[in-house]
Amino acid sequence: MGRTARLVVVSAHAADFVWRAGGAIARCADDGGEVTVVCLSYGERGESAALWRAEGATLESVKAARADGATTAADELGAAIEFLDAGDYPLRATDELLDRLVARFRALAPTLLLTHSASDPYNLDHALTHELVLRARMVAQAEGLPDRTTAPLGATQVMAFEPHQPEQCGFVPDNLLDITPVMERKRAAMKAMDSAQGHLVDYYAELAVRRGVQARRNGAPSSVTHAEAFQQVFPTVGERLW
């Protein structure tokens, strides 16, 4: 019997995980895995324009709306969710934020980390999150940390989920995940975030169809209609190539 999968998804903003990895989250949860989404910020400044247009909007009301939507989405997908409230536009890579991520990685002991791509010229918060995840992974592997109550992290694989404009981000997927069985749950999770970014619901639903076509062209059965794309950071280790 295999080990229990422990998936940790690090999302720069409160909605990023929904659009880009909602299917992977739901599939992992359905397979009996433990999934935790860590949102570095609520996305309260740069990704909440529609909420700011509401009469009487405040920073706290926008944060609360984003937290409610993201929590509903995570529940729909079968994941726990945490908000580190580190601010956005800009997100800053403070020592405190790094230490908090290291502590969460040591406590959660993920078998797989999902996060943003290494480059995103349209949203530098996303690229910074990728760097933070790799740095926190590195530090969490150290034997000599002051916290002796948690074990060092192993060689956990990191995979980048698809950015909004992959061609400009150097995103070359090497894994197409079948999300056909959970697509309606992903759609429901996306709709939970539509008060702030409703225009993305149709965009990512259509992207899942296109990635499904590519999955079939790469050997998936005809039953696969929707997929998500990921790019692996570290090599896969095996005993054979065949």
C-alpha atoms as a PDB file:
ATOM      1  CA  MET A   1       0.000   0.000   0.000  1.00  0.00           C
ATOM      2  CA  GLY A   2       1.475   3.367  -1.004  1.00  0.00           C
ATOM      3  CA  ARG A   3       2.098   6.277   1.287  1.00  0.00           C
ATOM      4  CA  THR A   4      -0.554   8.947   1.749  1.00  0.00           C
ATOM      5  CA  ALA A   5      -0.048  11.868  -0.627  1.00  0.00           C
ATOM      6  CA  ARG A   6       0.353  15.212   1.117  1.00  0.00           C
ATOM      7  CA  LEU A   7      -0.087  18.014  -1.390  1.00  0.00           C
ATOM      8  CA  VAL A   8       0.763  21.592  -0.421  1.00  0.00           C
ATOM      9  CA  VAL A   9      -0.245  24.314  -2.879  1.00  0.00           C
ATOM     10  CA  VAL A  10       1.399  27.707  -2.355  1.00  0.00           C
ATOM     11  CA  SER A  11      -0.679  30.434  -3.962  1.00  0.00           C
ATOM     12  CA  ALA A  12       0.499  34.051  -4.167  1.00  0.00           C
ATOM     13  CA  HIS A  13      -3.066  35.328  -4.013  1.00  0.00           C
ATOM     14  CA  ALA A  14      -6.276  33.848  -2.697  1.00  0.00           C
ATOM     15  CA  ALA A  15      -7.693  32.799  -6.072  1.00  0.00           C
ATOM     16  CA  ASP A  16      -4.615  31.616  -7.977  1.00  0.00           C
ATOM     17  CA  PHE A  17      -4.883  28.010  -6.784  1.00  0.00           C
ATOM     18  CA  VAL A  18      -8.484  27.734  -7.980  1.00  0.00           C
ATOM     19  CA  TRP A  19      -7.864  28.628 -11.620  1.00  0.00           C
ATOM     20  CA  ARG A  20      -4.563  26.832 -12.053  1.00  0.00           C
ATOM     21  CA  ALA A  21      -4.676  23.743  -9.839  1.00  0.00           C
ATOM     22  CA  GLY A  22      -8.289  23.216  -8.770  1.00  0.00           C
ATOM     23  CA  GLY A  23      -8.528  19.945 -10.658  1.00  0.00           C
ATOM     24  CA  ALA A  24      -5.288  18.576  -9.207  1.00  0.00           C
ATOM     25  CA  ILE A  25      -6.431  19.490  -5.703  1.00  0.00           C
ATOM     26  CA  ALA A  26      -9.785  17.746  -6.134  1.00  0.00           C
ATOM     27  CA  ARG A  27      -8.222  14.628  -7.655  1.00  0.00           C
ATOM     28  CA  CYS A  28      -5.667  14.346  -4.864  1.00  0.00           C
ATOM     29  CA  ALA A  29      -8.371  14.734  -2.217  1.00  0.00           C
ATOM     30  CA  ASP A  30     -10.556  12.130  -3.951  1.00  0.00           C
ATOM     31  CA  ASP A  31      -7.616   9.714  -3.939  1.00  0.00           C
ATOM     32  CA  GLY A  32      -7.384  10.028  -0.151  1.00  0.00           C
ATOM     33  CA  GLY A  33      -4.581  12.570  -0.106  1.00  0.00           C
ATOM     34  CA  GLU A  34      -4.219  15.437   2.337  1.00  0.00           C
ATOM     35  CA  VAL A  35      -4.296  18.821   0.602  1.00  0.00           C
ATOM     36  CA  THR A  36      -3.388  22.169   2.146  1.00  0.00           C
ATOM     37  CA  VAL A  37      -3.546  25.455   0.265  1.00  0.00           C
ATOM     38  CA  VAL A  38      -1.302  28.207   1.637  1.00  0.00           C
ATOM     39  CA  CYS A  39      -2.258  31.660   0.336  1.00  0.00           C
ATOM     40  CA  LEU A  40       0.504  34.188   0.882  1.00  0.00           C
ATOM     41  CA  SER A  41      -1.963  37.047   0.447  1.00  0.00           C
ATOM     42  CA  TYR A  42      -5.649  37.634  -0.135  1.00  0.00           C
ATOM     43  CA  GLY A  43      -4.945  39.377  -3.446  1.00  0.00           C
ATOM     44  CA  GLU A  44      -6.718  42.343  -1.932  1.00  0.00           C
ATOM     45  CA  ARG A  45      -5.064  45.084  -3.966  1.00  0.00           C
ATOM     46  CA  GLY A  46      -4.133  43.900  -7.434  1.00  0.00           C
ATOM     47  CA  GLU A  47      -6.670  41.153  -8.168  1.00  0.00           C
ATOM     48  CA  SER A  48      -9.844  42.546  -6.629  1.00  0.00           C
ATOM     49  CA  ALA A  49     -10.812  45.440  -8.891  1.00  0.00           C
ATOM     50  CA  ALA A  50     -14.502  44.484  -8.994  1.00  0.00           C
ATOM     51  CA  LEU A  51     -14.693  44.396  -5.196  1.00  0.00           C
ATOM     52  CA  TRP A  52     -13.101  47.827  -4.900  1.00  0.00           C
ATOM     53  CA  ARG A  53     -15.771  49.286  -7.179  1.00  0.00           C
ATOM     54  CA  ALA A  54     -18.491  48.384  -4.663  1.00  0.00           C
ATOM     55  CA  GLU A  55     -19.803  51.306  -2.625  1.00  0.00           C
ATOM     56  CA  GLY A  56     -18.147  51.548   0.773  1.00  0.00           C
ATOM     57  CA  ALA A  57     -15.373  49.076  -0.033  1.00  0.00           C
ATOM     58  CA  THR A  58     -12.495  49.000   2.440  1.00  0.00           C
ATOM     59  CA  LEU A  59      -9.296  47.014   2.661  1.00  0.00           C
ATOM     60  CA  GLU A  60     -10.808  44.813   5.354  1.00  0.00           C
ATOM     61  CA  SER A  61     -14.061  44.227   3.443  1.00  0.00           C
ATOM     62  CA  VAL A  62     -12.125  43.234   0.324  1.00  0.00           C
ATOM     63  CA  LYS A  63      -9.907  40.869   2.330  1.00  0.00           C
ATOM     64  CA  ALA A  64     -12.962  39.321   3.951  1.00  0.00           C
ATOM     65  CA  ALA A  65     -14.677  38.766   0.595  1.00  0.00           C
ATOM     66  CA  ARG A  66     -11.570  37.149  -0.842  1.00  0.00           C
ATOM     67  CA  ALA A  67     -11.149  34.924   2.208  1.00  0.00           C
ATOM     68  CA  ASP A  68     -14.786  33.819   2.059  1.00  0.00           C
ATOM     69  CA  GLY A  69     -14.581  32.970  -1.633  1.00  0.00           C
ATOM     70  CA  ALA A  70     -11.294  31.117  -1.334  1.00  0.00           C
ATOM     71  CA  THR A  71     -12.495  29.155   1.695  1.00  0.00           C
ATOM     72  CA  THR A  72     -15.653  28.122  -0.145  1.00  0.00           C
ATOM     73  CA  ALA A  73     -13.552  27.096  -3.154  1.00  0.00           C
ATOM     74  CA  ALA A  74     -11.145  25.058  -1.029  1.00  0.00           C
ATOM     75  CA  ASP A  75     -14.058  23.300   0.692  1.00  0.00           C
ATOM     76  CA  GLU A  76     -15.520  22.437  -2.716  1.00  0.00           C
ATOM     77  CA  LEU A  77     -12.207  20.924  -3.799  1.00  0.00           C
ATOM     78  CA  GLY A  78     -11.592  19.053  -0.532  1.00  0.00           C
ATOM     79  CA  ALA A  79      -8.642  21.081   0.763  1.00  0.00           C
ATOM     80  CA  ALA A  80      -7.715  22.875   3.953  1.00  0.00           C
ATOM     81  CA  ILE A  81      -6.697  26.505   3.469  1.00  0.00           C
ATOM     82  CA  GLU A  82      -4.462  28.955   5.308  1.00  0.00           C
ATOM     83  CA  PHE A  83      -3.948  32.683   4.776  1.00  0.00           C
ATOM     84  CA  LEU A  84      -0.598  34.247   5.697  1.00  0.00           C
ATOM     85  CA  ASP A  85      -1.816  37.800   4.921  1.00  0.00           C
ATOM     86  CA  ALA A  86       1.614  38.931   3.713  1.00  0.00           C
ATOM     87  CA  GLY A  87       0.243  41.688   1.476  1.00  0.00           C
ATOM     88  CA  ASP A  88       0.222  41.955  -2.299  1.00  0.00           C
ATOM     89  CA  TYR A  89       1.071  44.438  -5.027  1.00  0.00           C
ATOM     90  CA  PRO A  90       3.700  44.144  -3.876  1.00  0.00           C
ATOM     91  CA  LEU A  91       4.203  40.873  -2.068  1.00  0.00           C
ATOM     92  CA  ARG A  92       7.475  41.171  -0.153  1.00  0.00           C
ATOM     93  CA  ALA A  93       9.882  38.337   0.586  1.00  0.00           C
ATOM     94  CA  THR A  94      10.507  39.178   4.234  1.00  0.00           C
ATOM     95  CA  ASP A  95      12.483  37.002   6.638  1.00  0.00           C
ATOM     96  CA  GLU A  96       9.284  36.511   8.619  1.00  0.00           C
ATOM     97  CA  LEU A  97       7.376  35.201   5.606  1.00  0.00           C
ATOM     98  CA  LEU A  98      10.193  32.807   4.713  1.00  0.00           C
ATOM     99  CA  ASP A  99      10.330  31.516   8.288  1.00  0.00           C
ATOM    100  CA  ARG A 100       6.559  30.959   8.306  1.00  0.00           C
ATOM    101  CA  LEU A 101       6.735  28.974   5.072  1.00  0.00           C
ATOM    102  CA  VAL A 102       9.623  26.878   6.358  1.00  0.00           C
ATOM    103  CA  ALA A 103       7.644  26.094   9.511  1.00  0.00           C
ATOM    104  CA  ARG A 104       4.586  25.068   7.508  1.00  0.00           C
ATOM    105  CA  PHE A 105       6.642  22.828   5.203  1.00  0.00           C
ATOM    106  CA  ARG A 106       8.263  21.119   8.176  1.00  0.00           C
ATOM    107  CA  ALA A 107       4.898  20.645   9.899  1.00  0.00           C
ATOM    108  CA  LEU A 108       2.962  19.484   6.823  1.00  0.00           C
ATOM    109  CA  ALA A 109       5.784  17.359   5.318  1.00  0.00           C
ATOM    110  CA  PRO A 110       4.446  17.579   1.749  1.00  0.00           C
ATOM    111  CA  THR A 111       5.132  14.805  -0.736  1.00  0.00           C
ATOM    112  CA  LEU A 112       4.491  17.321  -3.540  1.00  0.00           C
ATOM    113  CA  LEU A 113       4.542  21.111  -3.736  1.00  0.00           C
ATOM    114  CA  LEU A 114       2.558  23.026  -6.366  1.00  0.00           C
ATOM    115  CA  THR A 115       3.143  26.711  -6.977  1.00  0.00           C
ATOM    116  CA  HIS A 116       3.635  29.384  -9.647  1.00  0.00           C
ATOM    117  CA  SER A 117       6.046  29.296 -12.571  1.00  0.00           C
ATOM    118  CA  ALA A 118       9.553  30.693 -12.208  1.00  0.00           C
ATOM    119  CA  SER A 119       8.845  33.624 -14.531  1.00  0.00           C
ATOM    120  CA  ASP A 120       5.786  35.833 -14.914  1.00  0.00           C
ATOM    121  CA  PRO A 121       6.541  39.317 -16.260  1.00  0.00           C
ATOM    122  CA  TYR A 122       2.869  40.258 -15.893  1.00  0.00           C
ATOM    123  CA  ASN A 123       2.751  39.514 -12.170  1.00  0.00           C
ATOM    124  CA  LEU A 124       6.029  39.546 -10.264  1.00  0.00           C
ATOM    125  CA  ASP A 125       4.228  38.413  -7.097  1.00  0.00           C
ATOM    126  CA  HIS A 126       3.808  35.043  -8.843  1.00  0.00           C
ATOM    127  CA  ALA A 127       7.492  34.715  -9.737  1.00  0.00           C
ATOM    128  CA  LEU A 128       8.495  35.787  -6.227  1.00  0.00           C
ATOM    129  CA  THR A 129       6.256  33.090  -4.775  1.00  0.00           C
ATOM    130  CA  HIS A 130       8.051  30.468  -6.878  1.00  0.00           C
ATOM    131  CA  GLU A 131      11.398  31.661  -5.514  1.00  0.00           C
ATOM    132  CA  LEU A 132      10.065  31.712  -1.950  1.00  0.00           C
ATOM    133  CA  VAL A 133       8.817  28.133  -2.266  1.00  0.00           C
ATOM    134  CA  LEU A 134      12.193  26.902  -3.515  1.00  0.00           C
ATOM    135  CA  ARG A 135      14.049  28.807  -0.802  1.00  0.00           C
ATOM    136  CA  ALA A 136      11.702  27.570   1.937  1.00  0.00           C
ATOM    137  CA  ARG A 137      12.040  24.015   0.627  1.00  0.00           C
ATOM    138  CA  MET A 138      15.830  24.338   0.788  1.00  0.00           C
ATOM    139  CA  VAL A 139      15.841  25.704   4.334  1.00  0.00           C
ATOM    140  CA  ALA A 140      13.258  23.155   5.512  1.00  0.00           C
ATOM    141  CA  GLN A 141      15.665  20.386   4.490  1.00  0.00           C
ATOM    142  CA  ALA A 142      18.341  21.597   6.904  1.00  0.00           C
ATOM    143  CA  GLU A 143      19.178  19.438   9.910  1.00  0.00           C
ATOM    144  CA  GLY A 144      20.467  22.369  11.956  1.00  0.00           C
ATOM    145  CA  LEU A 145      17.354  24.539  12.294  1.00  0.00           C
ATOM    146  CA  PRO A 146      16.535  25.758  15.820  1.00  0.00           C
ATOM    147  CA  ASP A 147      13.211  23.880  15.735  1.00  0.00           C
ATOM    148  CA  ARG A 148      14.052  20.308  16.690  1.00  0.00           C
ATOM    149  CA  THR A 149      10.412  19.209  17.023  1.00  0.00           C
ATOM    150  CA  THR A 150       9.869  18.646  13.295  1.00  0.00           C
ATOM    151  CA  ALA A 151      11.869  16.480  10.913  1.00  0.00           C
ATOM    152  CA  PRO A 152      13.788  17.925   7.965  1.00  0.00           C
ATOM    153  CA  LEU A 153      11.888  17.946   4.697  1.00  0.00           C
ATOM    154  CA  GLY A 154      12.910  15.352   2.132  1.00  0.00           C
ATOM    155  CA  ALA A 155      13.554  15.835  -1.589  1.00  0.00           C
ATOM    156  CA  THR A 156      10.003  16.979  -2.250  1.00  0.00           C
ATOM    157  CA  GLN A 157       9.179  17.512  -5.913  1.00  0.00           C
ATOM    158  CA  VAL A 158       7.982  20.981  -6.936  1.00  0.00           C
ATOM    159  CA  MET A 159       5.675  21.475  -9.899  1.00  0.00           C
ATOM    160  CA  ALA A 160       4.620  24.778 -11.425  1.00  0.00           C
ATOM    161  CA  PHE A 161       1.009  25.223 -12.442  1.00  0.00           C
ATOM    162  CA  GLU A 162       0.115  27.050 -15.628  1.00  0.00           C
ATOM    163  CA  PRO A 163       0.425  30.854 -15.692  1.00  0.00           C
ATOM    164  CA  HIS A 164      -2.164  33.021 -17.387  1.00  0.00           C
ATOM    165  CA  GLN A 165       0.036  33.721 -20.413  1.00  0.00           C
ATOM    166  CA  PRO A 166       2.357  30.698 -20.644  1.00  0.00           C
ATOM    167  CA  GLU A 167       4.220  31.726 -23.794  1.00  0.00           C
ATOM    168  CA  GLN A 168       5.540  34.894 -22.127  1.00  0.00           C
ATOM    169  CA  CYS A 169       6.470  32.985 -18.964  1.00  0.00           C
ATOM    170  CA  GLY A 170       8.606  30.256 -20.507  1.00  0.00           C
ATOM    171  CA  PHE A 171       6.143  27.653 -19.274  1.00  0.00           C
ATOM    172  CA  VAL A 172       6.674  24.315 -21.044  1.00  0.00           C
ATOM    173  CA  PRO A 173       4.387  21.648 -19.527  1.00  0.00           C
ATOM    174  CA  ASP A 174       5.720  18.148 -19.037  1.00  0.00           C
ATOM    175  CA  ASN A 175       2.660  16.781 -17.251  1.00  0.00           C
ATOM    176  CA  LEU A 176      -0.961  16.894 -18.400  1.00  0.00           C
ATOM    177  CA  LEU A 177      -3.278  15.795 -15.606  1.00  0.00           C
ATOM    178  CA  ASP A 178      -6.710  14.372 -16.411  1.00  0.00           C
ATOM    179  CA  ILE A 179      -9.257  16.410 -14.428  1.00  0.00           C
ATOM    180  CA  THR A 180     -12.334  15.171 -16.297  1.00  0.00           C
ATOM    181  CA  PRO A 181     -13.868  13.448 -13.234  1.00  0.00           C
ATOM    182  CA  VAL A 182     -13.645  16.630 -11.118  1.00  0.00           C
ATOM    183  CA  MET A 183     -14.191  19.368 -13.712  1.00  0.00           C
ATOM    184  CA  GLU A 184     -17.628  20.320 -12.406  1.00  0.00           C
ATOM    185  CA  ARG A 185     -16.203  20.736  -8.912  1.00  0.00           C
ATOM    186  CA  LYS A 186     -13.438  22.913 -10.302  1.00  0.00           C
ATOM    187  CA  ARG A 187     -16.055  24.986 -12.111  1.00  0.00           C
ATOM    188  CA  ALA A 188     -18.016  25.409  -8.864  1.00  0.00           C
ATOM    189  CA  ALA A 189     -14.829  26.416  -7.031  1.00  0.00           C
ATOM    190  CA  MET A 190     -14.014  28.984  -9.719  1.00  0.00           C
ATOM    191  CA  LYS A 191     -17.496  30.459  -9.457  1.00  0.00           C
ATOM    192  CA  ALA A 192     -16.907  30.974  -5.731  1.00  0.00           C
ATOM    193  CA  MET A 193     -14.276  33.561  -6.748  1.00  0.00           C
ATOM    194  CA  ASP A 194     -16.278  35.281  -9.488  1.00  0.00           C
ATOM    195  CA  SER A 195     -17.220  38.340  -7.415  1.00  0.00           C
ATOM    196  CA  ALA A 196     -13.654  39.588  -7.917  1.00  0.00           C
ATOM    197  CA  GLN A 197     -12.445  37.827 -11.076  1.00  0.00           C
ATOM    198  CA  GLY A 198     -15.504  36.445 -12.808  1.00  0.00           C
ATOM    199  CA  HIS A 199     -13.954  36.909 -16.249  1.00  0.00           C
ATOM    200  CA  LEU A 200     -11.505  34.101 -15.502  1.00  0.00           C
ATOM    201  CA  VAL A 201     -14.131  31.390 -15.027  1.00  0.00           C
ATOM    202  CA  ASP A 202     -14.770  30.901 -18.741  1.00  0.00           C
ATOM    203  CA  TYR A 203     -11.088  31.407 -19.585  1.00  0.00           C
ATOM    204  CA  TYR A 204      -9.889  28.554 -17.379  1.00  0.00           C
ATOM    205  CA  ALA A 205     -12.814  26.290 -18.259  1.00  0.00           C
ATOM    206  CA  GLU A 206     -11.883  26.687 -21.934  1.00  0.00           C
ATOM    207  CA  LEU A 207      -8.179  26.180 -21.143  1.00  0.00           C
ATOM    208  CA  ALA A 208      -9.037  22.855 -19.479  1.00  0.00           C
ATOM    209  CA  VAL A 209     -10.725  21.756 -22.717  1.00  0.00           C
ATOM    210  CA  ARG A 210      -7.673  22.714 -24.791  1.00  0.00           C
ATOM    211  CA  ARG A 211      -5.338  20.890 -22.435  1.00  0.00           C
ATOM    212  CA  GLY A 212      -7.689  17.901 -22.636  1.00  0.00           C
ATOM    213  CA  VAL A 213      -7.267  17.854 -26.416  1.00  0.00           C
ATOM    214  CA  GLN A 214      -3.495  17.943 -25.980  1.00  0.00           C
ATOM    215  CA  ALA A 215      -3.677  15.119 -23.414  1.00  0.00           C
ATOM    216  CA  ARG A 216      -5.469  12.925 -25.947  1.00  0.00           C
ATOM    217  CA  ARG A 217      -2.899  13.812 -28.615  1.00  0.00           C
ATOM    218  CA  ASN A 218      -0.232  12.632 -26.175  1.00  0.00           C
ATOM    219  CA  GLY A 219      -1.762   9.243 -25.502  1.00  0.00           C
ATOM    220  CA  ALA A 220      -4.638   9.810 -23.079  1.00  0.00           C
ATOM    221  CA  PRO A 221      -7.825   7.815 -23.749  1.00  0.00           C
ATOM    222  CA  SER A 222     -10.726   9.431 -25.598  1.00  0.00           C
ATOM    223  CA  SER A 223     -12.615   9.734 -22.298  1.00  0.00           C
ATOM    224  CA  VAL A 224     -10.273  12.539 -21.200  1.00  0.00           C
ATOM    225  CA  THR A 225     -12.006  15.815 -22.001  1.00  0.00           C
ATOM    226  CA  HIS A 226     -10.358  18.224 -19.523  1.00  0.00           C
ATOM    227  CA  ALA A 227      -6.816  18.537 -18.200  1.00  0.00           C
ATOM    228  CA  GLU A 228      -4.448  20.830 -16.303  1.00  0.00           C
ATOM    229  CA  ALA A 229      -0.822  21.452 -17.261  1.00  0.00           C
ATOM    230  CA  PHE A 230       2.189  21.395 -14.950  1.00  0.00           C
ATOM    231  CA  GLN A 231       5.946  21.860 -15.299  1.00  0.00           C
ATOM    232  CA  GLN A 232       8.293  19.856 -13.100  1.00  0.00           C
ATOM    233  CA  VAL A 233      11.209  21.644 -11.405  1.00  0.00           C
ATOM    234  CA  PHE A 234      13.397  18.708 -10.370  1.00  0.00           C
ATOM    235  CA  PRO A 235      14.223  15.464 -12.219  1.00  0.00           C
ATOM    236  CA  THR A 236      12.191  12.327 -11.665  1.00  0.00           C
ATOM    237  CA  VAL A 237      14.317   9.519 -10.256  1.00  0.00           C
ATOM    238  CA  GLY A 238      13.665   5.977 -11.428  1.00  0.00           C
ATOM    239  CA  GLU A 239      15.317   2.654 -12.112  1.00  0.00           C
ATOM    240  CA  ARG A 240      14.340   2.414 -15.779  1.00  0.00           C
ATOM    241  CA  LEU A 241      13.540   4.657 -18.712  1.00  0.00           C
ATOM    242  CA  TRP A 242      11.147   2.111 -20.242  1.00  0.00           C
END
